[in-house]
Protein backbone atom coordinates (compact mmCIF):
# COMPACT_ATOMS: atom_id res chain seq x y z
CA MET A 1 -44.22 -110.48 -88.14
CA ALA A 2 -44.35 -106.79 -87.14
CA ASN A 3 -44.54 -106.01 -83.52
CA ASP A 4 -46.70 -102.99 -83.82
CA LYS A 5 -50.21 -103.35 -82.29
CA PHE A 6 -53.16 -103.16 -84.64
CA LEU A 7 -55.90 -103.25 -82.10
CA THR A 8 -55.61 -102.08 -78.46
CA VAL A 9 -58.45 -102.46 -75.90
CA GLU A 10 -58.26 -101.19 -72.31
CA ASN A 11 -60.89 -101.67 -69.62
CA LEU A 12 -63.84 -102.32 -72.12
CA ARG A 13 -67.11 -102.42 -70.34
CA THR A 14 -70.41 -103.26 -72.32
CA TYR A 15 -73.50 -103.21 -70.15
CA PHE A 16 -77.22 -103.64 -70.99
CA ASP A 17 -80.16 -102.00 -69.07
CA THR A 18 -82.98 -104.65 -68.69
CA PRO A 19 -86.14 -104.64 -66.58
CA GLU A 20 -84.34 -107.12 -64.12
CA GLY A 21 -81.40 -104.71 -63.77
CA LEU A 22 -77.94 -104.01 -65.28
CA VAL A 23 -76.41 -106.77 -67.29
CA LYS A 24 -72.53 -106.49 -67.19
CA SER A 25 -71.82 -108.79 -70.21
CA VAL A 26 -68.24 -107.43 -70.62
CA ASP A 27 -66.82 -105.96 -67.47
CA GLY A 28 -63.22 -104.57 -67.70
CA VAL A 29 -61.66 -106.44 -70.55
CA SER A 30 -58.11 -105.53 -71.92
CA PHE A 31 -56.12 -106.97 -74.72
CA SER A 32 -54.13 -106.09 -77.91
CA ILE A 33 -53.48 -107.82 -81.20
CA ARG A 34 -50.40 -107.19 -83.45
CA ARG A 35 -50.51 -107.08 -87.12
CA GLY A 36 -50.65 -110.60 -88.61
CA GLU A 37 -51.17 -112.17 -85.31
CA THR A 38 -53.92 -114.54 -84.16
CA LEU A 39 -55.38 -114.06 -80.61
CA ALA A 40 -57.87 -116.49 -79.39
CA LEU A 41 -60.55 -115.39 -76.97
CA VAL A 42 -61.63 -118.56 -75.27
CA GLY A 43 -64.52 -119.30 -72.89
CA GLU A 44 -67.89 -121.11 -72.47
CA SER A 45 -70.98 -119.80 -73.98
CA GLY A 46 -72.25 -116.77 -71.90
CA CYS A 47 -68.81 -115.52 -70.94
CA GLY A 48 -69.06 -112.35 -72.97
CA LYS A 49 -66.89 -113.20 -75.95
CA THR A 50 -69.19 -112.39 -78.85
CA VAL A 51 -70.42 -109.27 -77.10
CA THR A 52 -66.80 -108.15 -76.81
CA SER A 53 -66.33 -108.56 -80.57
CA LEU A 54 -69.43 -106.81 -81.45
CA SER A 55 -68.45 -103.94 -79.13
CA LEU A 56 -65.33 -103.62 -81.24
CA ILE A 57 -67.00 -103.13 -84.47
CA ARG A 58 -69.86 -100.84 -83.08
CA LEU A 59 -72.45 -103.50 -84.00
CA LEU A 60 -74.48 -103.45 -80.80
CA ALA A 61 -77.96 -101.86 -80.45
CA ASP A 62 -78.00 -98.27 -79.27
CA THR A 63 -79.34 -99.50 -75.99
CA ALA A 64 -75.92 -101.07 -75.15
CA GLN A 65 -73.69 -98.99 -72.92
CA VAL A 66 -70.09 -99.36 -74.42
CA GLN A 67 -67.28 -97.64 -72.61
CA ALA A 68 -63.49 -98.00 -72.52
CA ASP A 69 -60.49 -96.28 -71.20
CA TYR A 70 -58.84 -96.80 -74.57
CA MET A 71 -59.96 -98.69 -77.72
CA GLU A 72 -58.08 -98.11 -80.92
CA VAL A 73 -57.77 -99.90 -84.26
CA ASP A 74 -54.86 -98.80 -86.65
CA GLY A 75 -54.81 -95.32 -85.05
CA GLN A 76 -58.56 -94.85 -85.07
CA LYS A 77 -60.35 -94.41 -81.68
CA ILE A 78 -63.29 -96.69 -82.15
CA LEU A 79 -65.65 -95.15 -79.61
CA GLU A 80 -65.15 -91.68 -81.13
CA LEU A 81 -66.32 -92.60 -84.67
CA THR A 82 -69.60 -91.53 -86.07
CA LYS A 83 -71.94 -94.32 -87.30
CA ASP A 84 -70.93 -93.77 -90.94
CA GLU A 85 -67.35 -93.93 -89.93
CA ALA A 86 -67.94 -97.09 -87.97
CA ARG A 87 -69.75 -98.66 -90.96
CA LYS A 88 -66.58 -97.91 -93.06
CA LEU A 89 -64.36 -99.26 -90.37
CA ARG A 90 -66.25 -102.53 -90.45
CA GLY A 91 -65.38 -103.07 -94.22
CA SER A 92 -61.90 -101.58 -94.61
CA LYS A 93 -60.23 -102.32 -91.27
CA ILE A 94 -62.28 -105.12 -89.55
CA SER A 95 -64.49 -107.72 -90.87
CA MET A 96 -66.38 -110.60 -89.10
CA ILE A 97 -67.34 -114.12 -89.75
CA PHE A 98 -70.57 -114.58 -87.76
CA GLN A 99 -71.32 -117.76 -85.84
CA GLU A 100 -73.97 -119.46 -87.90
CA PRO A 101 -73.64 -119.14 -91.59
CA MET A 102 -77.23 -120.50 -92.06
CA THR A 103 -78.67 -117.64 -90.09
CA SER A 104 -76.15 -114.97 -91.14
CA LEU A 105 -76.72 -115.53 -94.85
CA ASN A 106 -80.16 -114.26 -96.16
CA PRO A 107 -82.13 -117.23 -97.19
CA VAL A 108 -84.08 -115.40 -99.80
CA TYR A 109 -81.17 -113.95 -101.74
CA LYS A 110 -78.73 -115.83 -104.00
CA ILE A 111 -75.10 -115.90 -103.14
CA GLU A 112 -74.29 -113.63 -106.07
CA ARG A 113 -76.39 -110.74 -104.60
CA GLN A 114 -75.10 -111.09 -100.98
CA LEU A 115 -71.45 -111.22 -102.07
CA GLY A 116 -71.87 -108.51 -104.71
CA GLU A 117 -73.40 -106.09 -102.07
CA VAL A 118 -70.00 -105.97 -100.39
CA PHE A 119 -68.11 -105.04 -103.50
CA ARG A 120 -70.83 -102.38 -104.55
CA LEU A 121 -70.61 -100.95 -101.04
CA HIS A 122 -66.85 -100.37 -100.96
CA GLU A 123 -66.27 -99.87 -104.67
CA PRO A 124 -69.33 -98.10 -106.03
CA GLY A 125 -67.84 -97.45 -109.32
CA LEU A 126 -67.73 -101.13 -110.27
CA SER A 127 -69.79 -102.43 -113.25
CA LYS A 128 -72.12 -105.40 -113.05
CA GLN A 129 -69.63 -107.57 -114.88
CA GLN A 130 -66.69 -106.40 -112.69
CA VAL A 131 -68.62 -107.26 -109.54
CA PHE A 132 -69.43 -110.63 -110.99
CA GLU A 133 -65.80 -111.21 -111.88
CA LYS A 134 -64.58 -110.22 -108.44
CA SER A 135 -67.10 -112.43 -106.77
CA VAL A 136 -65.96 -115.43 -108.72
CA GLU A 137 -62.38 -114.66 -107.93
CA ILE A 138 -63.05 -114.40 -104.11
CA LEU A 139 -64.88 -117.60 -104.01
CA LYS A 140 -62.26 -119.36 -105.94
CA ARG A 141 -59.66 -117.91 -103.40
CA VAL A 142 -61.44 -119.42 -100.46
CA GLY A 143 -61.77 -122.89 -102.22
CA VAL A 144 -65.42 -122.91 -103.47
CA PRO A 145 -65.47 -125.35 -106.58
CA ASN A 146 -67.37 -124.13 -109.57
CA PRO A 147 -67.72 -120.59 -108.26
CA ALA A 148 -69.58 -119.07 -111.16
CA GLU A 149 -72.28 -121.73 -110.61
CA ARG A 150 -72.35 -121.36 -106.87
CA LEU A 151 -73.16 -117.62 -107.32
CA LYS A 152 -76.48 -118.49 -108.73
CA VAL A 153 -77.82 -120.69 -105.78
CA TYR A 154 -79.32 -119.90 -102.40
CA PRO A 155 -77.54 -120.60 -99.11
CA HIS A 156 -79.76 -123.65 -98.32
CA GLN A 157 -78.54 -125.31 -101.51
CA LEU A 158 -75.07 -125.42 -100.11
CA SER A 159 -73.35 -127.84 -97.69
CA GLY A 160 -72.34 -126.46 -94.21
CA GLY A 161 -68.74 -126.20 -95.32
CA LEU A 162 -69.46 -124.26 -98.44
CA ARG A 163 -71.63 -121.87 -96.64
CA GLN A 164 -68.79 -121.15 -94.20
CA ARG A 165 -66.44 -120.54 -97.10
CA VAL A 166 -69.06 -118.21 -98.63
CA MET A 167 -69.15 -116.27 -95.34
CA ILE A 168 -65.40 -116.14 -95.27
CA ALA A 169 -65.46 -114.82 -98.90
CA ILE A 170 -67.93 -112.17 -97.90
CA SER A 171 -65.85 -111.05 -94.88
CA LEU A 172 -62.71 -110.86 -97.11
CA ALA A 173 -64.35 -108.97 -100.06
CA SER A 174 -63.38 -105.65 -98.69
CA SER A 175 -59.73 -106.64 -98.02
CA PRO A 176 -59.88 -106.04 -94.26
CA GLN A 177 -56.77 -105.87 -92.09
CA MET A 178 -58.24 -107.83 -89.23
CA LEU A 179 -60.83 -110.65 -89.21
CA ILE A 180 -63.01 -111.47 -86.39
CA ALA A 181 -63.85 -115.20 -86.63
CA ASP A 182 -66.71 -116.13 -84.15
CA GLU A 183 -66.94 -119.89 -83.73
CA PRO A 184 -65.96 -120.45 -87.31
CA THR A 185 -66.02 -124.18 -87.20
CA THR A 186 -69.17 -124.75 -85.19
CA ALA A 187 -71.49 -127.45 -86.52
CA LEU A 188 -68.88 -128.66 -89.06
CA ASP A 189 -67.46 -132.20 -88.96
CA VAL A 190 -63.81 -132.66 -88.12
CA THR A 191 -62.53 -132.84 -91.65
CA ILE A 192 -64.22 -129.69 -92.69
CA GLN A 193 -63.08 -127.91 -89.50
CA ALA A 194 -59.53 -128.66 -90.35
CA GLN A 195 -60.02 -127.28 -93.99
CA ILE A 196 -61.54 -124.07 -92.57
CA ILE A 197 -58.75 -123.62 -90.22
CA ASP A 198 -56.22 -124.22 -92.91
CA LEU A 199 -57.77 -121.74 -95.12
CA LEU A 200 -57.81 -119.13 -92.45
CA LYS A 201 -54.15 -119.67 -91.79
CA GLU A 202 -53.26 -119.46 -95.59
CA LEU A 203 -55.35 -116.28 -95.98
CA GLN A 204 -53.67 -114.68 -93.01
CA ARG A 205 -50.23 -115.43 -94.42
CA ASP A 206 -51.19 -113.98 -97.85
CA MET A 207 -52.86 -110.86 -96.52
CA ASN A 208 -50.65 -110.37 -93.28
CA MET A 209 -54.11 -110.17 -91.51
CA SER A 210 -54.81 -110.13 -87.86
CA ILE A 211 -57.21 -112.58 -86.53
CA LEU A 212 -59.39 -112.40 -83.34
CA LEU A 213 -60.67 -116.10 -82.89
CA ILE A 214 -63.84 -116.38 -80.66
CA THR A 215 -64.24 -119.91 -79.58
CA HIS A 216 -65.06 -122.36 -76.73
CA ASP A 217 -62.89 -125.00 -78.33
CA PHE A 218 -59.31 -125.36 -77.17
CA GLY A 219 -58.80 -128.05 -79.95
CA VAL A 220 -59.41 -125.28 -82.55
CA VAL A 221 -57.23 -122.88 -80.62
CA SER A 222 -54.17 -125.26 -80.66
CA GLN A 223 -54.27 -125.26 -84.46
CA ILE A 224 -54.21 -121.57 -85.23
CA ALA A 225 -53.63 -119.23 -82.41
CA GLU A 226 -50.27 -117.63 -81.26
CA ARG A 227 -51.67 -116.13 -78.03
CA VAL A 228 -54.80 -117.03 -75.95
CA ALA A 229 -57.00 -114.88 -73.63
CA VAL A 230 -59.25 -116.90 -71.42
CA MET A 231 -62.55 -115.19 -70.65
CA TYR A 232 -64.96 -116.07 -67.83
CA ALA A 233 -68.00 -114.04 -66.64
CA GLY A 234 -67.18 -110.76 -68.47
CA LYS A 235 -63.49 -110.70 -67.55
CA ILE A 236 -60.20 -112.12 -69.01
CA VAL A 237 -58.82 -114.38 -66.11
CA GLU A 238 -55.62 -115.42 -67.99
CA GLU A 239 -53.63 -114.46 -71.01
CA GLY A 240 -50.34 -115.67 -72.47
CA PRO A 241 -48.58 -117.42 -75.41
CA LEU A 242 -50.26 -120.61 -76.76
CA GLU A 243 -47.53 -123.09 -75.75
CA GLN A 244 -47.23 -121.74 -72.23
CA ILE A 245 -50.85 -121.74 -71.60
CA PHE A 246 -51.21 -125.44 -72.86
CA GLU A 247 -48.07 -126.68 -70.93
CA ASP A 248 -48.72 -124.89 -67.75
CA PRO A 249 -52.23 -123.24 -67.28
CA TRP A 250 -52.32 -121.03 -64.32
CA HIS A 251 -56.10 -120.40 -63.81
CA PRO A 252 -58.11 -123.23 -62.66
CA TYR A 253 -60.70 -122.42 -65.23
CA THR A 254 -58.02 -122.59 -68.07
CA LYS A 255 -56.87 -125.88 -66.79
CA LEU A 256 -60.33 -127.32 -66.69
CA LEU A 257 -61.19 -126.07 -70.13
CA ILE A 258 -58.13 -127.79 -71.48
CA LEU A 259 -58.68 -131.00 -69.61
CA SER A 260 -62.27 -131.16 -71.01
CA ILE A 261 -61.05 -131.38 -74.56
CA PRO A 262 -60.70 -135.06 -75.94
CA GLY A 263 -57.06 -135.77 -76.97
CA ILE A 264 -55.38 -133.05 -74.95
CA LYS A 265 -53.53 -134.29 -71.80
CA VAL A 266 -52.31 -131.64 -69.37
CA THR A 267 -51.65 -133.87 -66.30
CA ARG A 268 -50.46 -137.34 -65.77
CA GLY A 269 -53.17 -139.82 -66.73
CA GLY A 270 -54.81 -137.36 -69.06
CA ARG A 271 -58.35 -138.11 -67.58
CA LEU A 272 -61.11 -136.23 -69.35
CA GLU A 273 -62.69 -133.57 -67.01
CA SER A 274 -65.85 -131.63 -66.86
CA ILE A 275 -66.55 -128.24 -65.29
CA SER A 276 -69.38 -128.43 -62.73
CA GLY A 277 -72.00 -125.77 -62.53
CA THR A 278 -72.77 -122.96 -65.04
CA VAL A 279 -71.47 -119.49 -65.86
CA PRO A 280 -72.99 -117.05 -63.40
CA ASN A 281 -75.81 -114.69 -64.39
CA PRO A 282 -74.28 -111.29 -65.40
CA LEU A 283 -76.99 -109.64 -63.29
CA HIS A 284 -75.62 -111.24 -60.12
CA PHE A 285 -71.85 -112.00 -60.19
CA PRO A 286 -70.35 -113.63 -57.14
CA GLU A 287 -68.86 -111.16 -54.68
CA GLY A 288 -65.33 -112.52 -54.86
CA CYS A 289 -63.63 -114.45 -57.67
CA ARG A 290 -66.41 -115.05 -60.20
CA PHE A 291 -65.17 -118.69 -60.78
CA ALA A 292 -64.92 -119.51 -57.12
CA PRO A 293 -68.37 -121.31 -56.88
CA ARG A 294 -67.17 -123.69 -59.57
CA CYS A 295 -63.44 -123.85 -58.71
CA PRO A 296 -62.04 -127.01 -57.14
CA TYR A 297 -59.15 -124.99 -55.57
CA ALA A 298 -61.27 -122.15 -54.15
CA MET A 299 -60.19 -120.72 -50.72
CA GLU A 300 -62.06 -118.58 -48.33
CA ILE A 301 -60.55 -115.43 -49.68
CA CYS A 302 -61.66 -116.34 -53.12
CA ARG A 303 -65.27 -116.02 -52.06
CA ARG A 304 -64.74 -112.78 -50.34
CA GLN A 305 -62.77 -110.55 -52.65
CA PRO A 306 -61.91 -110.40 -56.39
CA PRO A 307 -58.20 -111.36 -57.10
CA GLU A 308 -55.78 -108.75 -58.38
CA GLU A 309 -54.23 -109.38 -61.76
CA VAL A 310 -50.70 -110.81 -61.62
CA VAL A 311 -48.42 -110.08 -64.57
CA CYS A 312 -45.29 -112.22 -65.03
CA GLY A 313 -43.45 -111.76 -68.46
CA ALA A 314 -45.80 -112.28 -71.25
CA ARG A 315 -48.40 -113.87 -69.10
CA ARG A 316 -51.07 -112.40 -66.83
CA VAL A 317 -53.74 -114.16 -64.52
CA SER A 318 -56.25 -113.21 -62.02
CA CYS A 319 -56.08 -115.87 -59.35
CA PHE A 320 -55.24 -115.96 -55.58
CA LEU A 321 -53.15 -119.16 -56.32
CA LYS A 322 -50.57 -117.06 -58.18
CA GLN A 323 -50.44 -113.95 -55.92
CA GLY A 324 -46.97 -112.91 -54.96
CA GLU A 325 -45.33 -114.47 -58.02
CA GLY A 326 -45.33 -111.45 -60.28
CA GLU A 327 -46.37 -107.79 -60.53
CA SER A 328 -49.79 -107.15 -59.19
CA HIS A 329 -52.30 -104.72 -60.81
CA GLU A 330 -55.60 -103.52 -59.28
């Protein structure tokens, strides 16, 4: 695998003005992804994961305030692109599998039209027959049986697993260099989940494609990711190689997320845990560490001030429990 960075994000901030005040959905997020690598962005619903991904591909409403010190994909500065350039970026460089295939696919159009639109957009000179042949080929590639017949049906006539495969086919039709997969296995049974994960891994190998996996499920993360970034309340609280995060999670939030997954044992006894409380309202974040109100290890300083980020080798964490063990960054 090449070590060059395909995507670099530094201090991404995505805010929304609302009648109640300024919603800081993403509040200073930094990460990078190498070519052919899978980074999992993990956290509970409401942590800002999906807003982060939509910020990357410029797919938020104009009312969103998206700023970053630096945000570049394959040499292109994302925030400097025009709307037309951003649209081209979404096809040629980055593509996205959205969270719910049933709501992402248009219910009134057959699969043939929805898949064909992608080919026609990125290759305007194709004939109708060529579009059809390419559509059959891509459906076959993602494991859809009888692809020519499936093109003639509506989304509701397909099973959940087949709808997800169609979504993957649509996202790959323009041969992107990076795929954002937002909860790609949600609402699928365990067997189909495993098939979808295996498919993504196979496609990644074949295309040397980078993947940004958005999920709340550490079980899925363990099957596909190489690095993990744990997100809480608009910030990344811990990042590191998959094996190190699983074997020795540094942030209490990471530890509790892993302990809450059936079948994954981090401490002796392996008792299944739950995280008390809820993700804070992005209108009113806690004054200190944003996880402090829910943290079983919280100290007085945690409630008074935000922790500095500590970098130690390939890992980084924002937690007072790790202060003094590495290089600190404001």
